[in-house]
Amino acid sequence: MVEYLKEENASLGSKLPARITLTAREKNRLIQLGTTLGSALKNLISTVSYRTFTRWVAGSECDKTKSPPKRKPGRPRTAEDIRELVVKIARENGWDIRECSAS
C-alpha cells in the first residue's frame, strides 16, 4: 500500500509546478505526524527532502523555547533625572539651553 501511495504521489507530483509551498499549518501537521515515524520517514517522505523535514523539526522546537524580546531595539531613552541634571548644569554654566530643553 505504501509503495502504491508513493508512486501515486510521484505521478501527481510530476504534474505540479517545480516548487510547492506549504502553509505553517500544513508544515506543523507534517511535523506532528512525521516525528512519530522517526527514521522510517526517510523511506516515505516525498513532499520535501528528509533534510528539509529535519530543519522544520529543529525550527519548530526552537520556536517553542524562544522568548519574546525583553526590550525594544535601539538606544534606550535617557532617564528623566539625568536630563534634568544636564539642563541644570547647562543653566549654571550659562549655556544656551533652548535646544536642550526643547527635545
PDB file of N, CA and C in Angstrom:
ATOM      1  N   MET A   1       0.829  -1.186   0.000  1.00  0.00           N
ATOM      2  CA  MET A   1       0.000   0.000   0.000  1.00  0.00           C
ATOM      3  C   MET A   1       0.875   1.251   0.000  1.00  0.00           C
ATOM      4  N   VAL A   2       1.930   1.210   0.818  1.00  0.00           N
ATOM      5  CA  VAL A   2       2.808   2.378   0.903  1.00  0.00           C
ATOM      6  C   VAL A   2       3.482   2.633  -0.445  1.00  0.00           C
ATOM      7  N   GLU A   3       3.953   1.568  -1.094  1.00  0.00           N
ATOM      8  CA  GLU A   3       4.605   1.734  -2.395  1.00  0.00           C
ATOM      9  C   GLU A   3       3.630   2.296  -3.421  1.00  0.00           C
ATOM     10  N   TYR A   4       2.399   1.825  -3.402  1.00  0.00           N
ATOM     11  CA  TYR A   4       1.391   2.328  -4.327  1.00  0.00           C
ATOM     12  C   TYR A   4       1.157   3.822  -4.086  1.00  0.00           C
ATOM     13  N   LEU A   5       0.986   4.229  -2.813  1.00  0.00           N
ATOM     14  CA  LEU A   5       0.727   5.629  -2.496  1.00  0.00           C
ATOM     15  C   LEU A   5       1.916   6.517  -2.865  1.00  0.00           C
ATOM     16  N   LYS A   6       3.142   5.994  -2.672  1.00  0.00           N
ATOM     17  CA  LYS A   6       4.321   6.759  -3.065  1.00  0.00           C
ATOM     18  C   LYS A   6       4.345   6.978  -4.576  1.00  0.00           C
ATOM     19  N   GLU A   7       4.035   5.934  -5.335  1.00  0.00           N
ATOM     20  CA  GLU A   7       4.025   6.049  -6.792  1.00  0.00           C
ATOM     21  C   GLU A   7       2.918   6.984  -7.249  1.00  0.00           C
ATOM     22  N   GLU A   8       1.770   6.900  -6.618  1.00  0.00           N
ATOM     23  CA  GLU A   8       0.667   7.793  -6.952  1.00  0.00           C
ATOM     24  C   GLU A   8       1.049   9.246  -6.667  1.00  0.00           C
ATOM     25  N   ASN A   9       1.670   9.483  -5.519  1.00  0.00           N
ATOM     26  CA  ASN A   9       2.128  10.837  -5.172  1.00  0.00           C
ATOM     27  C   ASN A   9       3.149  11.340  -6.180  1.00  0.00           C
ATOM     28  N   ALA A  10       4.074  10.461  -6.596  1.00  0.00           N
ATOM     29  CA  ALA A  10       5.082  10.858  -7.580  1.00  0.00           C
ATOM     30  C   ALA A  10       4.422  11.212  -8.909  1.00  0.00           C
ATOM     31  N   SER A  11       3.443  10.438  -9.326  1.00  0.00           N
ATOM     32  CA  SER A  11       2.736  10.711 -10.583  1.00  0.00           C
ATOM     33  C   SER A  11       2.006  12.043 -10.515  1.00  0.00           C
ATOM     34  N   LEU A  12       1.308  12.267  -9.429  1.00  0.00           N
ATOM     35  CA  LEU A  12       0.585  13.535  -9.267  1.00  0.00           C
ATOM     36  C   LEU A  12       1.557  14.693  -9.097  1.00  0.00           C
ATOM     37  N   GLY A  13       2.641  14.448  -8.389  1.00  0.00           N
ATOM     38  CA  GLY A  13       3.636  15.499  -8.168  1.00  0.00           C
ATOM     39  C   GLY A  13       4.307  15.949  -9.444  1.00  0.00           C
ATOM     40  N   SER A  14       4.444  15.054 -10.419  1.00  0.00           N
ATOM     41  CA  SER A  14       5.079  15.427 -11.680  1.00  0.00           C
ATOM     42  C   SER A  14       4.216  16.406 -12.479  1.00  0.00           C
ATOM     43  N   LYS A  15       2.950  16.490 -12.177  1.00  0.00           N
ATOM     44  CA  LYS A  15       2.042  17.389 -12.882  1.00  0.00           C
ATOM     45  C   LYS A  15       1.968  18.769 -12.216  1.00  0.00           C
ATOM     46  N   LEU A  16       2.576  18.887 -11.041  1.00  0.00           N
ATOM     47  CA  LEU A  16       2.547  20.150 -10.294  1.00  0.00           C
ATOM     48  C   LEU A  16       3.737  21.023 -10.675  1.00  0.00           C
ATOM     49  N   PRO A  17       3.701  22.307 -10.280  1.00  0.00           N
ATOM     50  CA  PRO A  17       4.858  23.172 -10.522  1.00  0.00           C
ATOM     51  C   PRO A  17       6.090  22.652  -9.768  1.00  0.00           C
ATOM     52  N   ALA A  18       7.258  23.154 -10.153  1.00  0.00           N
ATOM     53  CA  ALA A  18       8.514  22.666  -9.571  1.00  0.00           C
ATOM     54  C   ALA A  18       8.584  22.925  -8.067  1.00  0.00           C
ATOM     55  N   ARG A  19       8.047  24.029  -7.619  1.00  0.00           N
ATOM     56  CA  ARG A  19       8.131  24.375  -6.197  1.00  0.00           C
ATOM     57  C   ARG A  19       6.733  24.425  -5.590  1.00  0.00           C
ATOM     58  N   ILE A  20       6.557  23.674  -4.523  1.00  0.00           N
ATOM     59  CA  ILE A  20       5.280  23.652  -3.815  1.00  0.00           C
ATOM     60  C   ILE A  20       5.508  24.322  -2.458  1.00  0.00           C
ATOM     61  N   THR A  21       4.685  25.294  -2.133  1.00  0.00           N
ATOM     62  CA  THR A  21       4.809  25.956  -0.835  1.00  0.00           C
ATOM     63  C   THR A  21       3.711  25.447   0.083  1.00  0.00           C
ATOM     64  N   LEU A  22       4.087  25.233   1.329  1.00  0.00           N
ATOM     65  CA  LEU A  22       3.142  24.753   2.330  1.00  0.00           C
ATOM     66  C   LEU A  22       2.865  25.862   3.335  1.00  0.00           C
ATOM     67  N   THR A  23       1.666  25.885   3.853  1.00  0.00           N
ATOM     68  CA  THR A  23       1.337  26.842   4.901  1.00  0.00           C
ATOM     69  C   THR A  23       1.939  26.371   6.218  1.00  0.00           C
ATOM     70  N   ALA A  24       1.984  27.246   7.188  1.00  0.00           N
ATOM     71  CA  ALA A  24       2.506  26.897   8.510  1.00  0.00           C
ATOM     72  C   ALA A  24       1.682  25.770   9.128  1.00  0.00           C
ATOM     73  N   ARG A  25       0.385  25.811   8.923  1.00  0.00           N
ATOM     74  CA  ARG A  25      -0.496  24.762   9.467  1.00  0.00           C
ATOM     75  C   ARG A  25      -0.170  23.404   8.842  1.00  0.00           C
ATOM     76  N   GLU A  26       0.062  23.394   7.530  1.00  0.00           N
ATOM     77  CA  GLU A  26       0.410  22.146   6.849  1.00  0.00           C
ATOM     78  C   GLU A  26       1.762  21.604   7.320  1.00  0.00           C
ATOM     79  N   LYS A  27       2.734  22.514   7.462  1.00  0.00           N
ATOM     80  CA  LYS A  27       4.053  22.092   7.960  1.00  0.00           C
ATOM     81  C   LYS A  27       3.940  21.500   9.354  1.00  0.00           C
ATOM     82  N   ASN A  28       3.199  22.176  10.221  1.00  0.00           N
ATOM     83  CA  ASN A  28       3.054  21.690  11.597  1.00  0.00           C
ATOM     84  C   ASN A  28       2.376  20.320  11.635  1.00  0.00           C
ATOM     85  N   ARG A  29       1.413  20.122  10.760  1.00  0.00           N
ATOM     86  CA  ARG A  29       0.737  18.811  10.709  1.00  0.00           C
ATOM     87  C   ARG A  29       1.702  17.720  10.237  1.00  0.00           C
ATOM     88  N   LEU A  30       2.513  18.022   9.216  1.00  0.00           N
ATOM     89  CA  LEU A  30       3.504  17.060   8.743  1.00  0.00           C
ATOM     90  C   LEU A  30       4.556  16.777   9.821  1.00  0.00           C
ATOM     91  N   ILE A  31       4.966  17.804  10.547  1.00  0.00           N
ATOM     92  CA  ILE A  31       5.931  17.616  11.642  1.00  0.00           C
ATOM     93  C   ILE A  31       5.338  16.713  12.704  1.00  0.00           C
ATOM     94  N   GLN A  32       4.088  16.983  13.064  1.00  0.00           N
ATOM     95  CA  GLN A  32       3.410  16.187  14.091  1.00  0.00           C
ATOM     96  C   GLN A  32       3.333  14.718  13.691  1.00  0.00           C
ATOM     97  N   LEU A  33       2.943  14.455  12.457  1.00  0.00           N
ATOM     98  CA  LEU A  33       2.808  13.073  12.006  1.00  0.00           C
ATOM     99  C   LEU A  33       4.157  12.425  11.712  1.00  0.00           C
ATOM    100  N   GLY A  34       5.089  13.197  11.173  1.00  0.00           N
ATOM    101  CA  GLY A  34       6.377  12.649  10.772  1.00  0.00           C
ATOM    102  C   GLY A  34       7.294  12.313  11.919  1.00  0.00           C
ATOM    103  N   THR A  35       7.249  13.091  12.993  1.00  0.00           N
ATOM    104  CA  THR A  35       8.150  12.826  14.117  1.00  0.00           C
ATOM    105  C   THR A  35       7.808  11.510  14.814  1.00  0.00           C
ATOM    106  N   THR A  36       6.573  11.097  14.741  1.00  0.00           N
ATOM    107  CA  THR A  36       6.215   9.817  15.362  1.00  0.00           C
ATOM    108  C   THR A  36       6.777   8.636  14.575  1.00  0.00           C
ATOM    109  N   LEU A  37       7.084   8.844  13.294  1.00  0.00           N
ATOM    110  CA  LEU A  37       7.632   7.766  12.465  1.00  0.00           C
ATOM    111  C   LEU A  37       9.134   7.579  12.651  1.00  0.00           C
ATOM    112  N   GLY A  38       9.807   8.615  13.120  1.00  0.00           N
ATOM    113  CA  GLY A  38      11.250   8.518  13.319  1.00  0.00           C
ATOM    114  C   GLY A  38      11.992   8.396  11.998  1.00  0.00           C
ATOM    115  N   SER A  39      13.040   7.558  11.980  1.00  0.00           N
ATOM    116  CA  SER A  39      13.871   7.445  10.783  1.00  0.00           C
ATOM    117  C   SER A  39      13.162   6.691   9.660  1.00  0.00           C
ATOM    118  N   ALA A  40      12.073   6.013   9.937  1.00  0.00           N
ATOM    119  CA  ALA A  40      11.309   5.333   8.884  1.00  0.00           C
ATOM    120  C   ALA A  40      10.749   6.339   7.884  1.00  0.00           C
ATOM    121  N   LEU A  41      10.663   7.590   8.297  1.00  0.00           N
ATOM    122  CA  LEU A  41      10.152   8.639   7.424  1.00  0.00           C
ATOM    123  C   LEU A  41      11.037   8.816   6.194  1.00  0.00           C
ATOM    124  N   LYS A  42      12.332   8.505   6.311  1.00  0.00           N
ATOM    125  CA  LYS A  42      13.243   8.651   5.171  1.00  0.00           C
ATOM    126  C   LYS A  42      12.731   7.897   3.949  1.00  0.00           C
ATOM    127  N   ASN A  43      12.111   6.747   4.157  1.00  0.00           N
ATOM    128  CA  ASN A  43      11.611   5.932   3.049  1.00  0.00           C
ATOM    129  C   ASN A  43      10.244   6.375   2.552  1.00  0.00           C
ATOM    130  N   LEU A  44       9.558   7.227   3.314  1.00  0.00           N
ATOM    131  CA  LEU A  44       8.192   7.612   2.957  1.00  0.00           C
ATOM    132  C   LEU A  44       8.082   9.026   2.398  1.00  0.00           C
ATOM    133  N   ILE A  45       8.909   9.913   2.871  1.00  0.00           N
ATOM    134  CA  ILE A  45       8.734  11.333   2.583  1.00  0.00           C
ATOM    135  C   ILE A  45       8.883  11.611   1.093  1.00  0.00           C
ATOM    136  N   SER A  46       7.978  12.435   0.554  1.00  0.00           N
ATOM    137  CA  SER A  46       8.040  12.745  -0.874  1.00  0.00           C
ATOM    138  C   SER A  46       7.791  14.228  -1.158  1.00  0.00           C
ATOM    139  N   THR A  47       7.164  14.932  -0.243  1.00  0.00           N
ATOM    140  CA  THR A  47       6.856  16.342  -0.484  1.00  0.00           C
ATOM    141  C   THR A  47       8.119  17.193  -0.441  1.00  0.00           C
ATOM    142  N   VAL A  48       8.954  16.953   0.549  1.00  0.00           N
ATOM    143  CA  VAL A  48      10.229  17.663   0.711  1.00  0.00           C
ATOM    144  C   VAL A  48      11.304  16.622   1.010  1.00  0.00           C
ATOM    145  N   SER A  49      12.554  17.078   1.030  1.00  0.00           N
ATOM    146  CA  SER A  49      13.625  16.143   1.367  1.00  0.00           C
ATOM    147  C   SER A  49      13.604  15.876   2.875  1.00  0.00           C
ATOM    148  N   TYR A  50      14.203  14.774   3.258  1.00  0.00           N
ATOM    149  CA  TYR A  50      14.263  14.438   4.683  1.00  0.00           C
ATOM    150  C   TYR A  50      15.035  15.501   5.452  1.00  0.00           C
ATOM    151  N   ARG A  51      16.085  16.040   4.830  1.00  0.00           N
ATOM    152  CA  ARG A  51      16.888  17.097   5.475  1.00  0.00           C
ATOM    153  C   ARG A  51      16.032  18.338   5.728  1.00  0.00           C
ATOM    154  N   THR A  52      15.209  18.702   4.780  1.00  0.00           N
ATOM    155  CA  THR A  52      14.311  19.845   4.972  1.00  0.00           C
ATOM    156  C   THR A  52      13.357  19.578   6.123  1.00  0.00           C
ATOM    157  N   PHE A  53      12.836  18.361   6.181  1.00  0.00           N
ATOM    158  CA  PHE A  53      11.925  18.000   7.264  1.00  0.00           C
ATOM    159  C   PHE A  53      12.620  18.126   8.618  1.00  0.00           C
ATOM    160  N   THR A  54      13.874  17.657   8.713  1.00  0.00           N
ATOM    161  CA  THR A  54      14.593  17.758  10.000  1.00  0.00           C
ATOM    162  C   THR A  54      14.843  19.217  10.371  1.00  0.00           C
ATOM    163  N   ARG A  55      15.045  20.087   9.373  1.00  0.00           N
ATOM    164  CA  ARG A  55      15.190  21.518   9.677  1.00  0.00           C
ATOM    165  C   ARG A  55      13.884  22.097  10.195  1.00  0.00           C
ATOM    166  N   TRP A  56      12.766  21.646   9.613  1.00  0.00           N
ATOM    167  CA  TRP A  56      11.461  22.085  10.124  1.00  0.00           C
ATOM    168  C   TRP A  56      11.286  21.697  11.574  1.00  0.00           C
ATOM    169  N   VAL A  57      11.650  20.462  11.890  1.00  0.00           N
ATOM    170  CA  VAL A  57      11.502  19.971  13.266  1.00  0.00           C
ATOM    171  C   VAL A  57      12.383  20.792  14.202  1.00  0.00           C
ATOM    172  N   ALA A  58      13.631  21.016  13.815  1.00  0.00           N
ATOM    173  CA  ALA A  58      14.538  21.799  14.653  1.00  0.00           C
ATOM    174  C   ALA A  58      14.019  23.221  14.834  1.00  0.00           C
ATOM    175  N   GLY A  59      13.477  23.809  13.775  1.00  0.00           N
ATOM    176  CA  GLY A  59      12.931  25.168  13.857  1.00  0.00           C
ATOM    177  C   GLY A  59      11.696  25.239  14.724  1.00  0.00           C
ATOM    178  N   SER A  60      10.864  24.216  14.678  1.00  0.00           N
ATOM    179  CA  SER A  60       9.645  24.239  15.482  1.00  0.00           C
ATOM    180  C   SER A  60       9.975  24.080  16.962  1.00  0.00           C
ATOM    181  N   GLU A  61      10.985  23.289  17.289  1.00  0.00           N
ATOM    182  CA  GLU A  61      11.395  23.140  18.688  1.00  0.00           C
ATOM    183  C   GLU A  61      12.028  24.428  19.190  1.00  0.00           C
ATOM    184  N   CYS A  62      12.763  25.095  18.325  1.00  0.00           N
ATOM    185  CA  CYS A  62      13.415  26.346  18.700  1.00  0.00           C
ATOM    186  C   CYS A  62      12.374  27.433  18.957  1.00  0.00           C
ATOM    187  N   ASP A  63      11.308  27.478  18.140  1.00  0.00           N
ATOM    188  CA  ASP A  63      10.264  28.478  18.311  1.00  0.00           C
ATOM    189  C   ASP A  63       9.559  28.345  19.651  1.00  0.00           C
ATOM    190  N   LYS A  64       9.416  27.108  20.153  1.00  0.00           N
ATOM    191  CA  LYS A  64       8.726  26.900  21.421  1.00  0.00           C
ATOM    192  C   LYS A  64       9.539  27.428  22.593  1.00  0.00           C
ATOM    193  N   THR A  65      10.876  27.377  22.488  1.00  0.00           N
ATOM    194  CA  THR A  65      11.722  27.808  23.599  1.00  0.00           C
ATOM    195  C   THR A  65      12.119  29.262  23.477  1.00  0.00           C
ATOM    196  N   LYS A  66      11.876  29.875  22.324  1.00  0.00           N
ATOM    197  CA  LYS A  66      12.274  31.265  22.118  1.00  0.00           C
ATOM    198  C   LYS A  66      11.365  32.194  22.916  1.00  0.00           C
ATOM    199  N   SER A  67      11.962  33.074  23.694  1.00  0.00           N
ATOM    200  CA  SER A  67      11.167  34.021  24.467  1.00  0.00           C
ATOM    201  C   SER A  67      11.069  35.330  23.694  1.00  0.00           C
ATOM    202  N   PRO A  68      10.030  36.104  23.933  1.00  0.00           N
ATOM    203  CA  PRO A  68       9.893  37.372  23.226  1.00  0.00           C
ATOM    204  C   PRO A  68      10.991  38.343  23.646  1.00  0.00           C
ATOM    205  N   PRO A  69      11.316  39.318  22.801  1.00  0.00           N
ATOM    206  CA  PRO A  69      12.364  40.270  23.167  1.00  0.00           C
ATOM    207  C   PRO A  69      11.985  41.020  24.437  1.00  0.00           C
ATOM    208  N   LYS A  70      12.975  41.249  25.270  1.00  0.00           N
ATOM    209  CA  LYS A  70      12.729  41.884  26.565  1.00  0.00           C
ATOM    210  C   LYS A  70      12.608  43.398  26.473  1.00  0.00           C
ATOM    211  N   ARG A  71      13.197  43.976  25.417  1.00  0.00           N
ATOM    212  CA  ARG A  71      13.100  45.420  25.258  1.00  0.00           C
ATOM    213  C   ARG A  71      13.083  45.768  23.787  1.00  0.00           C
ATOM    214  N   LYS A  72      12.730  47.003  23.506  1.00  0.00           N
ATOM    215  CA  LYS A  72      12.693  47.473  22.132  1.00  0.00           C
ATOM    216  C   LYS A  72      14.118  47.597  21.604  1.00  0.00           C
ATOM    217  N   PRO A  73      14.306  47.417  20.307  1.00  0.00           N
ATOM    218  CA  PRO A  73      15.638  47.611  19.739  1.00  0.00           C
ATOM    219  C   PRO A  73      16.006  49.087  19.726  1.00  0.00           C
ATOM    220  N   GLY A  74      17.279  49.368  19.679  1.00  0.00           N
ATOM    221  CA  GLY A  74      17.742  50.749  19.616  1.00  0.00           C
ATOM    222  C   GLY A  74      18.263  51.241  20.951  1.00  0.00           C
ATOM    223  N   ARG A  75      18.661  52.474  20.956  1.00  0.00           N
ATOM    224  CA  ARG A  75      19.244  53.082  22.150  1.00  0.00           C
ATOM    225  C   ARG A  75      18.147  53.359  23.162  1.00  0.00           C
ATOM    226  N   PRO A  76      18.385  52.989  24.434  1.00  0.00           N
ATOM    227  CA  PRO A  76      17.377  53.274  25.463  1.00  0.00           C
ATOM    228  C   PRO A  76      17.222  54.779  25.698  1.00  0.00           C
ATOM    229  N   ARG A  77      16.052  55.170  26.113  1.00  0.00           N
ATOM    230  CA  ARG A  77      15.797  56.587  26.404  1.00  0.00           C
ATOM    231  C   ARG A  77      16.630  57.041  27.590  1.00  0.00           C
ATOM    232  N   THR A  78      17.000  58.313  27.567  1.00  0.00           N
ATOM    233  CA  THR A  78      17.744  58.896  28.681  1.00  0.00           C
ATOM    234  C   THR A  78      16.777  59.095  29.848  1.00  0.00           C
ATOM    235  N   ALA A  79      17.211  58.700  31.028  1.00  0.00           N
ATOM    236  CA  ALA A  79      16.368  58.835  32.215  1.00  0.00           C
ATOM    237  C   ALA A  79      16.079  60.314  32.481  1.00  0.00           C
ATOM    238  N   GLU A  80      14.876  60.581  32.987  1.00  0.00           N
ATOM    239  CA  GLU A  80      14.435  61.964  33.217  1.00  0.00           C
ATOM    240  C   GLU A  80      15.337  62.689  34.213  1.00  0.00           C
ATOM    241  N   ASP A  81      15.800  62.001  35.270  1.00  0.00           N
ATOM    242  CA  ASP A  81      16.662  62.670  36.252  1.00  0.00           C
ATOM    243  C   ASP A  81      18.002  63.066  35.635  1.00  0.00           C
ATOM    244  N   ILE A  82      18.501  62.285  34.688  1.00  0.00           N
ATOM    245  CA  ILE A  82      19.752  62.646  34.005  1.00  0.00           C
ATOM    246  C   ILE A  82      19.517  63.850  33.102  1.00  0.00           C
ATOM    247  N   ARG A  83      18.385  63.883  32.415  1.00  0.00           N
ATOM    248  CA  ARG A  83      18.067  65.045  31.571  1.00  0.00           C
ATOM    249  C   ARG A  83      17.986  66.324  32.410  1.00  0.00           C
ATOM    250  N   GLU A  84      17.329  66.221  33.557  1.00  0.00           N
ATOM    251  CA  GLU A  84      17.204  67.394  34.430  1.00  0.00           C
ATOM    252  C   GLU A  84      18.565  67.852  34.929  1.00  0.00           C
ATOM    253  N   LEU A  85      19.457  66.905  35.251  1.00  0.00           N
ATOM    254  CA  LEU A  85      20.798  67.242  35.716  1.00  0.00           C
ATOM    255  C   LEU A  85      21.583  67.946  34.613  1.00  0.00           C
ATOM    256  N   VAL A  86      21.475  67.495  33.385  1.00  0.00           N
ATOM    257  CA  VAL A  86      22.181  68.134  32.266  1.00  0.00           C
ATOM    258  C   VAL A  86      21.672  69.556  32.063  1.00  0.00           C
ATOM    259  N   VAL A  87      20.356  69.745  32.130  1.00  0.00           N
ATOM    260  CA  VAL A  87      19.785  71.087  31.970  1.00  0.00           C
ATOM    261  C   VAL A  87      20.245  71.990  33.107  1.00  0.00           C
ATOM    262  N   LYS A  88      20.297  71.488  34.330  1.00  0.00           N
ATOM    263  CA  LYS A  88      20.743  72.269  35.489  1.00  0.00           C
ATOM    264  C   LYS A  88      22.204  72.699  35.313  1.00  0.00           C
ATOM    265  N   ILE A  89      23.068  71.789  34.908  1.00  0.00           N
ATOM    266  CA  ILE A  89      24.479  72.115  34.695  1.00  0.00           C
ATOM    267  C   ILE A  89      24.620  73.140  33.575  1.00  0.00           C
ATOM    268  N   ALA A  90      23.802  72.992  32.514  1.00  0.00           N
ATOM    269  CA  ALA A  90      23.859  73.933  31.402  1.00  0.00           C
ATOM    270  C   ALA A  90      23.456  75.330  31.863  1.00  0.00           C
ATOM    271  N   ARG A  91      22.428  75.434  32.686  1.00  0.00           N
ATOM    272  CA  ARG A  91      21.991  76.748  33.192  1.00  0.00           C
ATOM    273  C   ARG A  91      23.057  77.372  34.090  1.00  0.00           C
ATOM    274  N   GLU A  92      23.663  76.555  34.957  1.00  0.00           N
ATOM    275  CA  GLU A  92      24.690  77.064  35.867  1.00  0.00           C
ATOM    276  C   GLU A  92      25.917  77.570  35.114  1.00  0.00           C
ATOM    277  N   ASN A  93      26.215  76.987  33.979  1.00  0.00           N
ATOM    278  CA  ASN A  93      27.385  77.385  33.201  1.00  0.00           C
ATOM    279  C   ASN A  93      27.068  78.424  32.133  1.00  0.00           C
ATOM    280  N   GLY A  94      25.795  78.829  32.043  1.00  0.00           N
ATOM    281  CA  GLY A  94      25.413  79.876  31.111  1.00  0.00           C
ATOM    282  C   GLY A  94      25.321  79.415  29.664  1.00  0.00           C
ATOM    283  N   TRP A  95      25.141  78.126  29.442  1.00  0.00           N
ATOM    284  CA  TRP A  95      24.991  77.634  28.068  1.00  0.00           C
ATOM    285  C   TRP A  95      23.582  77.936  27.582  1.00  0.00           C
ATOM    286  N   ASP A  96      23.440  78.032  26.288  1.00  0.00           N
ATOM    287  CA  ASP A  96      22.122  78.262  25.700  1.00  0.00           C
ATOM    288  C   ASP A  96      21.356  76.938  25.746  1.00  0.00           C
ATOM    289  N   ILE A  97      20.345  76.841  26.615  1.00  0.00           N
ATOM    290  CA  ILE A  97      19.660  75.555  26.829  1.00  0.00           C
ATOM    291  C   ILE A  97      18.342  75.454  26.071  1.00  0.00           C
ATOM    292  N   ARG A  98      18.030  76.428  25.218  1.00  0.00           N
ATOM    293  CA  ARG A  98      16.777  76.340  24.474  1.00  0.00           C
ATOM    294  C   ARG A  98      16.732  75.056  23.641  1.00  0.00           C
ATOM    295  N   GLU A  99      17.848  74.689  23.030  1.00  0.00           N
ATOM    296  CA  GLU A  99      17.886  73.480  22.200  1.00  0.00           C
ATOM    297  C   GLU A  99      17.796  72.224  23.065  1.00  0.00           C
ATOM    298  N   CYS A 100      18.407  72.248  24.254  1.00  0.00           N
ATOM    299  CA  CYS A 100      18.424  71.065  25.121  1.00  0.00           C
ATOM    300  C   CYS A 100      17.042  70.774  25.682  1.00  0.00           C
ATOM    301  N   SER A 101      16.329  71.778  26.139  1.00  0.00           N
ATOM    302  CA  SER A 101      15.054  71.557  26.799  1.00  0.00           C
ATOM    303  C   SER A 101      13.918  71.366  25.813  1.00  0.00           C
ATOM    304  N   ALA A 102      14.114  71.704  24.543  1.00  0.00           N
ATOM    305  CA  ALA A 102      13.039  71.570  23.560  1.00  0.00           C
ATOM    306  C   ALA A 102      12.799  70.125  23.186  1.00  0.00           C
ATOM    307  N   SER A 103      13.794  69.262  23.298  1.00  0.00           N
ATOM    308  CA  SER A 103      13.613  67.876  22.879  1.00  0.00           C
ATOM    309  C   SER A 103      13.101  66.990  23.965  1.00  0.00           C
TER     310      SER A 103
END
